């Protein structure tokens, strides 16, 4: 779905880091190293980005049009 704006547990803003994280991981970097370089040290914030799945494109296929 849409990237969470804030970490679910601690409330730190994380949405602005999503594009950089995704692009670097797709380029072949290790996700843990990317999160370290982005300054995400708390496991809750790391979990928020690591666990995010972009389903919006898949869900839009089933949109009901009237």
Protein backbone atom coordinates (compact mmCIF):
# COMPACT_ATOMS: atom_id res chain seq x y z
CA UNK A 1 0.00 0.00 0.00
CA UNK A 2 1.23 3.50 0.71
CA UNK A 3 4.46 3.86 2.67
CA UNK A 4 3.72 4.69 6.32
CA UNK A 5 4.54 8.31 7.03
CA UNK A 6 5.80 7.49 10.51
CA UNK A 7 7.14 4.42 12.26
CA UNK A 8 4.25 2.49 13.80
CA UNK A 9 6.04 2.12 17.15
CA UNK A 10 8.16 5.19 17.88
CA UNK A 11 6.57 7.77 15.56
CA UNK A 12 9.75 8.79 13.72
CA UNK A 13 9.12 10.04 10.16
CA UNK A 14 10.28 7.38 7.68
CA UNK A 15 8.31 7.93 4.45
CA UNK A 16 10.87 10.33 3.01
CA UNK A 17 13.48 7.54 3.14
CA UNK A 18 11.48 4.98 1.15
CA UNK A 19 12.50 5.95 -2.40
CA UNK A 20 16.20 6.04 -1.58
CA UNK A 21 15.95 2.74 0.31
CA UNK A 22 14.05 0.99 -2.50
CA UNK A 23 16.32 2.27 -5.27
CA UNK A 24 19.50 1.28 -3.47
CA UNK A 25 18.23 -2.19 -2.58
CA UNK A 26 17.07 -2.78 -6.16
CA UNK A 27 20.54 -1.70 -7.30
CA UNK A 28 22.00 -4.58 -5.28
CA UNK A 29 23.04 -3.08 -1.95
CA UNK A 30 22.45 -5.04 1.25
CA UNK A 31 19.29 -3.72 2.98
CA UNK A 32 20.96 -3.61 6.38
CA UNK A 33 23.78 -1.42 5.12
CA UNK A 34 21.33 0.89 3.37
CA UNK A 35 19.29 1.32 6.56
CA UNK A 36 22.48 2.05 8.52
CA UNK A 37 23.54 4.72 6.04
CA UNK A 38 20.06 6.30 6.15
CA UNK A 39 20.39 6.64 9.93
CA UNK A 40 17.74 4.09 10.93
CA UNK A 41 19.13 2.46 14.06
CA UNK A 42 15.94 1.45 15.86
CA UNK A 43 14.62 -1.96 14.91
CA UNK A 44 11.06 -0.65 14.81
CA UNK A 45 11.91 1.90 12.09
CA UNK A 46 13.94 -0.67 10.20
CA UNK A 47 11.01 -3.08 10.35
CA UNK A 48 8.66 -0.44 8.97
CA UNK A 49 10.73 -0.03 5.79
CA UNK A 50 11.83 -3.65 5.45
CA UNK A 51 8.31 -4.99 5.86
CA UNK A 52 6.65 -2.58 3.47
CA UNK A 53 5.25 -4.12 0.29
CA UNK A 54 4.02 -2.00 -2.58
CA UNK A 55 0.63 -3.48 -3.43
CA UNK A 56 -0.95 -0.37 -4.85
CA UNK A 57 -0.27 -1.32 -8.49
CA UNK A 58 -1.73 -4.78 -7.95
CA UNK A 59 -4.79 -3.42 -6.17
CA UNK A 60 -5.51 -0.86 -8.87
CA UNK A 61 -6.11 -3.71 -11.31
CA UNK A 62 -9.24 -4.59 -9.35
CA UNK A 63 -10.63 -1.06 -9.12
CA UNK A 64 -14.34 -0.95 -9.85
CA UNK A 65 -15.20 1.53 -12.53
CA UNK A 66 -18.74 2.72 -12.97
